[in-house]
Amino acid sequence: MMRTASIKLDASPEQRAALAALQSDFANACQRLSAVVREHRVWNRVALHQRAYSEMRSSTPLGSQMCCNAIFSVCKAYKALKVTGRIPKDTPVPAISFQRASVHFDKRTYALKKNAVSLYTLGGRVIVPMRLGEHQRRILSFGRPKEAELVFRKGNWYFNLVVESDDKEPIASGPVMGVDVGENNLAAHSLGGIFGGGRLCDRRDRHLALRRRLQSNGSRSAKQKLRQVSGKERRHVTHVNHETSKAIVREALEAGVSKITMEDLTHIRDRIKAGKRMRGRLHR
């Protein structure tokens, strides 16, 4: 099982400048690679490496392994477009902007040192203290650190570290639970449990109305208020979904269920014909 620990970094002004320089050059390298992908229609990691690695090493200040990480990031982004059907056959490959790209780190470009992390930068390694909470410590204590992403968000640097832990032993045999997901009811499973979504829908509609009022106002104070409420709806929805999924799993364990099967909502916006209001709700 893979889990991600989002760790805030207590970087000094000098370290923040070094990380910003690395992010800028990494984003520029990804932008160059994006042009190669579009020109040659190639997003296989090995094939792109053969086409672009030498040119990147000579034209960018990135080290050899960080060039490989940039190739990995670009291939991952375009493969995601391919899987979701946004690169149709015999059509031009769309452009992806990497101007605010996160920096991909692997085991060769970072190392954990107790309450700090050693990170590759253009000027050499820097050891940056990590601000670890109870949640992050628990994730790190029960797993093996894998790859990571360095991101800059709201004036702070975060190290999003993926941790792999062993899965619990599955139940060998037993009934299958089917879960139907929706909007009016967040989830309804085949054992009879129903999780209503009325309060969540109401809260999302209130957030939408607030954003519309502030955007139509356009004043400086309205824009300041928009920044304050940014992400609040997303965090609340994530929390409600997390609590709902935990409750479903708990009921499945109590009933001895061996497998949970969920409704597939892939491409639902393409499959459902609805009015503007409903399309907006599905988009959100």
Protein backbone atom coordinates (compact mmCIF):
# COMPACT_ATOMS: atom_id res chain seq x y z
CA MET A 1 0.00 0.00 0.00
CA MET A 2 1.26 3.45 -0.94
CA ARG A 3 0.67 6.48 1.26
CA THR A 4 1.93 10.04 0.90
CA ALA A 5 3.31 12.12 3.76
CA SER A 6 3.19 15.85 3.00
CA ILE A 7 6.08 17.27 5.04
CA LYS A 8 6.63 20.99 5.51
CA LEU A 9 10.27 22.07 5.19
CA ASP A 10 11.88 24.66 7.50
CA ALA A 11 14.26 26.00 4.86
CA SER A 12 16.58 28.94 5.48
CA PRO A 13 16.51 31.91 3.07
CA GLU A 14 19.59 30.53 1.27
CA GLN A 15 18.03 27.08 0.99
CA ARG A 16 14.73 28.53 -0.25
CA ALA A 17 16.63 30.37 -3.00
CA ALA A 18 18.43 27.15 -3.97
CA LEU A 19 15.17 25.20 -4.12
CA ALA A 20 13.51 27.95 -6.18
CA ALA A 21 16.39 27.91 -8.68
CA LEU A 22 16.13 24.12 -8.95
CA GLN A 23 12.36 24.28 -9.52
CA SER A 24 12.78 26.93 -12.23
CA ASP A 25 15.39 24.96 -14.19
CA PHE A 26 13.48 21.69 -13.70
CA ALA A 27 10.31 23.31 -15.09
CA ASN A 28 12.23 24.68 -18.08
CA ALA A 29 13.68 21.22 -18.77
CA CYS A 30 10.19 19.69 -18.63
CA GLN A 31 8.94 22.36 -21.03
CA ARG A 32 11.71 21.45 -23.50
CA LEU A 33 10.83 17.78 -23.20
CA SER A 34 7.17 18.57 -23.83
CA ALA A 35 8.12 20.01 -27.22
CA VAL A 36 10.00 16.80 -28.07
CA VAL A 37 6.99 14.71 -27.05
CA ARG A 38 4.66 16.74 -29.28
CA GLU A 39 7.04 16.72 -32.25
CA HIS A 40 7.84 12.98 -32.21
CA ARG A 41 4.66 11.72 -30.48
CA VAL A 42 6.69 9.74 -27.97
CA TRP A 43 6.01 9.46 -24.23
CA ASN A 44 7.76 6.18 -23.54
CA ARG A 45 10.40 6.82 -20.90
CA VAL A 46 13.19 4.87 -22.62
CA ALA A 47 12.45 6.30 -26.07
CA LEU A 48 12.29 9.88 -24.78
CA HIS A 49 15.53 9.36 -22.84
CA GLN A 50 17.29 8.26 -26.04
CA ARG A 51 15.99 11.28 -27.95
CA ALA A 52 16.45 14.06 -25.42
CA TYR A 53 18.90 13.13 -22.62
CA SER A 54 22.13 14.25 -24.32
CA GLU A 55 20.66 17.57 -25.39
CA MET A 56 19.33 18.21 -21.87
CA ARG A 57 22.70 17.51 -20.27
CA SER A 58 24.41 20.00 -22.56
CA SER A 59 21.77 22.74 -22.48
CA THR A 60 20.54 22.70 -18.86
CA PRO A 61 22.36 22.95 -15.51
CA LEU A 62 20.59 19.86 -14.16
CA GLY A 63 22.64 16.86 -13.10
CA SER A 64 22.36 13.51 -14.82
CA GLN A 65 19.86 11.95 -12.42
CA MET A 66 17.70 15.07 -12.25
CA CYS A 67 17.51 15.02 -16.06
CA CYS A 68 16.22 11.46 -15.77
CA ASN A 69 13.68 12.65 -13.20
CA ALA A 70 12.47 15.37 -15.58
CA ILE A 71 11.98 12.75 -18.30
CA PHE A 72 10.03 10.63 -15.81
CA SER A 73 7.76 13.56 -14.86
CA VAL A 74 6.96 14.47 -18.47
CA CYS A 75 6.26 10.87 -19.50
CA LYS A 76 4.02 10.42 -16.46
CA ALA A 77 2.00 13.53 -17.36
CA TYR A 78 1.47 12.49 -20.98
CA LYS A 79 0.66 8.90 -20.08
CA ALA A 80 -2.08 10.24 -17.80
CA LEU A 81 -3.53 12.16 -20.77
CA LYS A 82 -3.36 9.02 -22.91
CA VAL A 83 -5.11 6.86 -20.32
CA THR A 84 -7.95 9.36 -19.94
CA GLY A 85 -8.49 9.51 -23.70
CA ARG A 86 -7.24 13.06 -24.21
CA ILE A 87 -4.69 12.10 -26.88
CA PRO A 88 -6.87 10.66 -29.66
CA LYS A 89 -5.20 8.73 -32.44
CA ASP A 90 -4.03 10.73 -35.48
CA THR A 91 -4.48 14.07 -33.70
CA PRO A 92 -1.80 16.52 -32.54
CA VAL A 93 -0.43 15.87 -29.06
CA PRO A 94 -1.69 18.63 -26.73
CA ALA A 95 0.75 20.91 -24.93
CA ILE A 96 1.17 20.67 -21.17
CA SER A 97 2.45 23.63 -19.18
CA PHE A 98 5.17 22.80 -16.67
CA GLN A 99 5.83 26.37 -15.55
CA ARG A 100 4.84 25.58 -11.95
CA ALA A 101 5.91 21.94 -12.03
CA SER A 102 6.87 20.11 -8.87
CA VAL A 103 10.40 18.67 -8.74
CA HIS A 104 10.54 14.89 -8.82
CA PHE A 105 13.04 13.26 -6.45
CA ASP A 106 14.12 9.61 -6.28
CA LYS A 107 16.44 7.69 -3.99
CA ARG A 108 19.51 9.07 -5.78
CA THR A 109 18.53 12.72 -5.28
CA TYR A 110 17.33 12.77 -1.66
CA ALA A 111 18.17 11.09 1.64
CA LEU A 112 16.34 11.16 4.97
CA LYS A 113 18.43 12.10 8.02
CA LYS A 114 16.35 11.80 11.22
CA ASN A 115 14.36 15.06 11.28
CA ALA A 116 15.92 16.49 8.13
CA VAL A 117 16.20 15.65 4.45
CA SER A 118 19.23 15.99 2.17
CA LEU A 119 18.15 17.36 -1.21
CA TYR A 120 19.95 17.75 -4.52
CA THR A 121 20.24 21.37 -5.71
CA LEU A 122 22.14 23.03 -8.54
CA GLY A 123 24.81 24.17 -6.06
CA GLY A 124 25.18 20.86 -4.23
CA ARG A 125 23.31 19.04 -1.50
CA VAL A 126 21.44 20.97 1.19
CA ILE A 127 20.16 19.50 4.46
CA VAL A 128 16.74 20.98 5.23
CA PRO A 129 14.94 20.43 8.58
CA MET A 130 11.52 18.76 8.31
CA ARG A 131 8.51 19.78 10.39
CA LEU A 132 7.06 16.38 11.28
CA GLY A 133 3.66 16.01 12.91
CA GLU A 134 2.20 12.89 14.47
CA HIS A 135 0.52 11.90 11.19
CA GLN A 136 3.75 12.15 9.17
CA ARG A 137 5.77 10.29 11.80
CA ARG A 138 3.23 7.46 11.82
CA ILE A 139 3.40 7.07 8.04
CA LEU A 140 7.21 7.10 8.01
CA SER A 141 7.47 4.59 10.87
CA PHE A 142 5.41 1.90 9.14
CA GLY A 143 6.78 2.02 5.61
CA ARG A 144 9.66 2.31 3.18
CA PRO A 145 10.34 5.75 1.63
CA LYS A 146 10.07 5.76 -2.15
CA GLU A 147 9.88 8.68 -4.63
CA ALA A 148 8.88 12.22 -3.69
CA GLU A 149 7.75 15.57 -5.09
CA LEU A 150 9.06 18.96 -3.97
CA VAL A 151 6.27 21.54 -4.24
CA PHE A 152 5.95 25.24 -3.41
CA ARG A 153 2.52 26.12 -2.01
CA LYS A 154 1.35 29.37 -0.44
CA GLY A 155 4.83 30.58 0.39
CA ASN A 156 6.13 27.30 1.84
CA TRP A 157 8.09 24.31 0.54
CA TYR A 158 6.63 20.83 1.02
CA PHE A 159 8.24 17.44 0.46
CA ASN A 160 5.49 15.01 -0.57
CA LEU A 161 7.08 11.66 0.19
CA VAL A 162 5.51 8.40 -1.01
CA VAL A 163 5.84 5.60 1.56
CA GLU A 164 5.23 1.93 0.76
CA SER A 165 3.93 -0.33 3.52
CA ASP A 166 2.88 -3.97 3.56
CA ASP A 167 -0.80 -4.63 2.95
CA LYS A 168 -2.79 -6.41 5.61
CA GLU A 169 -3.67 -10.02 4.95
CA PRO A 170 -6.83 -10.08 2.78
CA ILE A 171 -9.86 -12.12 3.72
CA ALA A 172 -9.54 -15.28 1.64
CA SER A 173 -13.23 -15.91 1.05
CA GLY A 174 -16.58 -14.34 1.79
CA PRO A 175 -19.33 -12.22 0.26
CA VAL A 176 -18.73 -9.32 -2.12
CA MET A 177 -19.95 -5.84 -1.23
CA GLY A 178 -21.17 -3.63 -4.06
CA VAL A 179 -20.94 0.14 -3.59
CA ASP A 180 -22.96 2.61 -5.67
CA VAL A 181 -21.77 6.22 -5.51
CA GLY A 182 -23.69 9.33 -6.37
CA GLU A 183 -24.43 12.93 -5.49
CA ASN A 184 -27.69 12.90 -3.52
CA ASN A 185 -26.38 9.84 -1.68
CA LEU A 186 -22.59 9.76 -1.41
CA ALA A 187 -22.63 5.96 -1.26
CA ALA A 188 -25.01 3.05 -0.84
CA HIS A 189 -23.70 -0.48 -0.37
CA SER A 190 -25.31 -3.88 -0.83
CA LEU A 191 -25.45 -4.59 2.90
CA GLY A 192 -28.07 -1.88 3.27
CA GLY A 193 -25.98 1.10 4.37
CA ILE A 194 -26.72 4.51 2.86
CA PHE A 195 -24.59 7.62 3.30
CA GLY A 196 -26.54 10.77 2.49
CA GLY A 197 -25.01 13.66 0.60
CA GLY A 198 -27.59 16.39 1.11
CA ARG A 199 -25.55 18.44 3.58
CA LEU A 200 -22.44 18.18 1.42
CA CYS A 201 -24.33 19.28 -1.72
CA ASP A 202 -25.76 22.24 0.17
CA ARG A 203 -22.33 23.28 1.39
CA ARG A 204 -20.84 22.97 -2.11
CA ASP A 205 -23.64 25.09 -3.55
CA ARG A 206 -22.97 27.74 -0.90
CA HIS A 207 -19.27 27.80 -1.83
CA LEU A 208 -20.17 28.13 -5.52
CA ALA A 209 -22.52 31.04 -4.81
CA LEU A 210 -19.86 32.77 -2.70
CA ARG A 211 -17.23 32.39 -5.42
CA ARG A 212 -19.62 33.81 -8.03
CA ARG A 213 -20.40 36.85 -5.88
CA LEU A 214 -16.75 37.56 -5.19
CA GLN A 215 -15.67 37.06 -8.81
CA SER A 216 -18.40 39.35 -10.12
CA ASN A 217 -17.43 42.00 -7.54
CA GLY A 218 -13.81 42.17 -8.69
CA SER A 219 -12.63 44.50 -5.91
CA ARG A 220 -9.34 44.09 -4.09
CA SER A 221 -11.05 42.92 -0.92
CA ALA A 222 -13.12 40.41 -2.93
CA LYS A 223 -9.96 38.96 -4.48
CA GLN A 224 -8.39 38.76 -1.01
CA LYS A 225 -11.44 36.88 0.25
CA LEU A 226 -11.24 34.50 -2.74
CA ARG A 227 -7.66 33.62 -1.76
CA GLN A 228 -8.77 32.99 1.83
CA VAL A 229 -11.51 30.53 0.85
CA SER A 230 -9.39 28.86 -1.84
CA GLY A 231 -9.20 25.14 -1.23
CA LYS A 232 -11.66 25.20 1.69
CA GLU A 233 -14.36 23.36 -0.26
CA ARG A 234 -11.89 20.78 -1.59
CA ARG A 235 -10.52 20.06 1.89
CA HIS A 236 -14.02 19.63 3.31
CA VAL A 237 -15.06 17.25 0.52
CA THR A 238 -11.87 15.23 0.98
CA HIS A 239 -12.57 14.94 4.70
CA VAL A 240 -16.18 13.81 4.18
CA ASN A 241 -15.15 11.26 1.53
CA HIS A 242 -12.43 9.95 3.83
CA GLU A 243 -14.84 9.48 6.73
CA THR A 244 -17.37 7.77 4.44
CA SER A 245 -14.81 5.35 2.99
CA LYS A 246 -13.58 4.44 6.49
CA ALA A 247 -17.15 3.68 7.56
CA ILE A 248 -17.73 1.47 4.50
CA VAL A 249 -14.54 -0.51 5.12
CA ARG A 250 -15.40 -0.89 8.81
CA GLU A 251 -18.84 -2.33 7.96
CA ALA A 252 -17.26 -4.63 5.34
CA LEU A 253 -14.80 -6.02 7.90
CA GLU A 254 -17.56 -6.60 10.45
CA ALA A 255 -19.56 -8.54 7.82
CA GLY A 256 -16.57 -10.63 6.70
CA VAL A 257 -16.62 -9.20 3.18
CA SER A 258 -13.72 -10.38 1.01
CA LYS A 259 -14.02 -7.81 -1.78
CA ILE A 260 -15.52 -4.36 -2.31
CA THR A 261 -16.64 -3.54 -5.86
CA MET A 262 -17.35 0.10 -6.72
CA GLU A 263 -19.31 1.67 -9.54
CA ASP A 264 -17.11 2.86 -12.42
CA LEU A 265 -17.73 6.54 -13.12
CA THR A 266 -14.96 6.97 -15.71
CA HIS A 267 -15.89 9.53 -18.41
CA ILE A 268 -19.28 10.15 -16.74
CA ARG A 269 -19.39 13.70 -18.09
CA ASP A 270 -19.08 12.33 -21.64
CA ARG A 271 -21.78 9.71 -21.07
CA ILE A 272 -24.45 11.86 -19.41
CA LYS A 273 -26.43 14.55 -21.24
CA ALA A 274 -27.51 17.22 -18.79
CA GLY A 275 -28.11 20.92 -18.42
CA LYS A 276 -25.56 23.56 -17.51
CA ARG A 277 -26.27 23.36 -13.77
CA MET A 278 -25.87 19.58 -13.64
CA ARG A 279 -22.73 19.67 -15.80
CA GLY A 280 -21.23 22.15 -13.37
CA ARG A 281 -22.06 19.88 -10.42
CA LEU A 282 -20.55 16.86 -12.16
CA HIS A 283 -17.43 18.88 -13.02
CA ARG A 284 -16.99 19.79 -9.37
